[in-house]
Protein backbone atom coordinates (compact mmCIF):
# COMPACT_ATOMS: atom_id res chain seq x y z
CA MET A 1 162.97 97.98 95.47
CA HIS A 2 161.78 101.52 95.18
CA GLY A 3 157.94 101.50 93.93
CA ASP A 4 159.15 104.00 90.77
CA PHE A 5 161.58 101.50 89.89
CA LYS A 6 159.21 98.75 90.40
CA PHE A 7 156.51 99.80 88.31
CA ASN A 8 158.75 100.85 85.30
CA LEU A 9 160.37 97.66 85.19
CA MET A 10 156.58 96.24 85.25
CA ARG A 11 155.80 98.22 82.45
CA MET A 12 159.15 97.67 80.31
CA ASN A 13 158.26 94.09 80.98
CA LEU A 14 154.91 94.14 80.31
CA LEU A 15 155.47 95.82 76.96
CA LYS A 16 157.46 93.25 75.87
CA LEU A 17 155.71 90.55 76.87
CA GLY A 18 152.81 92.36 74.38
CA GLU A 19 155.48 91.95 71.84
CA LYS A 20 155.28 88.40 71.72
CA GLU A 21 151.58 87.76 72.63
CA ASN A 22 148.79 89.02 74.01
CA ILE A 23 148.67 89.93 77.61
CA LYS A 24 146.05 87.79 80.04
CA LEU A 25 145.96 88.97 83.62
CA ASN A 26 145.46 85.37 85.08
CA ASN A 27 148.75 84.23 83.07
CA LEU A 28 151.09 86.39 84.48
CA ASP A 29 151.53 84.56 87.61
CA GLY A 30 155.20 84.23 88.54
CA PHE A 31 156.38 86.43 85.57
CA PHE A 32 158.22 89.37 87.52
CA GLU A 33 159.28 87.65 90.24
CA ASP A 34 161.43 85.40 87.12
CA LYS A 35 161.87 88.77 86.18
CA GLY A 36 163.89 89.97 89.57
CA ILE A 37 160.46 91.82 90.63
CA SER A 38 159.16 90.37 93.37
CA ASP A 39 156.41 90.96 95.88
CA VAL A 40 154.15 92.11 92.89
CA SER A 41 150.41 91.81 93.01
CA SER A 42 147.45 91.25 91.02
CA LYS A 43 146.29 94.90 91.85
CA GLU A 44 149.72 96.14 91.23
CA ILE A 45 149.27 94.55 87.92
CA LYS A 46 146.14 95.40 86.68
CA ALA A 47 147.30 99.36 87.43
CA GLN A 48 150.22 98.98 85.25
CA LEU A 49 148.39 97.23 82.48
CA GLU A 50 145.45 100.54 83.00
CA HIS A 51 148.34 102.65 83.00
CA LEU A 52 149.89 101.24 79.98
CA ALA A 53 146.56 101.21 78.08
CA LYS A 54 145.85 105.28 79.05
CA GLU A 55 148.70 106.17 77.36
CA ASN A 56 147.80 104.11 74.57
CA TYR A 57 150.55 101.65 74.35
CA LEU A 58 148.04 98.50 75.23
CA SER A 59 144.64 98.15 74.01
CA GLU A 60 141.74 96.80 76.23
CA LYS A 61 140.42 93.46 74.55
CA SER A 62 138.35 92.46 77.39
CA ASP A 63 139.08 92.54 81.25
CA ASN A 64 142.03 90.37 81.68
CA GLU A 65 142.98 90.49 78.45
CA TYR A 66 145.39 93.66 76.33
CA GLU A 67 147.38 93.86 73.20
CA LEU A 68 150.13 96.09 72.13
CA THR A 69 149.02 99.08 69.77
CA GLY A 70 151.50 100.86 67.10
CA GLU A 71 152.14 103.49 70.10
CA GLY A 72 153.55 100.30 72.44
CA LYS A 73 155.48 98.79 69.85
CA LYS A 74 157.23 102.19 69.19
CA GLU A 75 157.70 102.89 73.17
CA LEU A 76 159.39 99.67 73.32
CA ALA A 77 161.66 100.12 70.83
CA GLU A 78 162.50 103.51 72.10
CA VAL A 79 163.45 101.31 75.08
CA LYS A 80 165.07 98.75 73.86
CA THR A 81 168.09 101.67 72.45
CA ALA A 82 168.11 103.30 75.70
CA ILE A 83 168.60 100.15 77.42
CA LYS A 84 171.23 98.95 75.10
CA LYS A 85 172.98 102.65 75.80
CA PHE A 86 172.26 101.88 80.03
């Protein structure tokens, strides 16, 4: 899968996970493979979490834990609407 698509899919899935629970980096083993996104490294996951935090969609609770923000909830709602139209 092309990197741009891969990283966007990773970010969407991370936001969706954050809707249910705080995102813990240590608990993501196999998470992306179950979503059809293969060859994902811990470094890539951390980079995407940091990207989402920089965009104010996640807040960093600790080095390995993130929480969905109000902005993240709004973005996720927009993504869900767009995907329904896909």
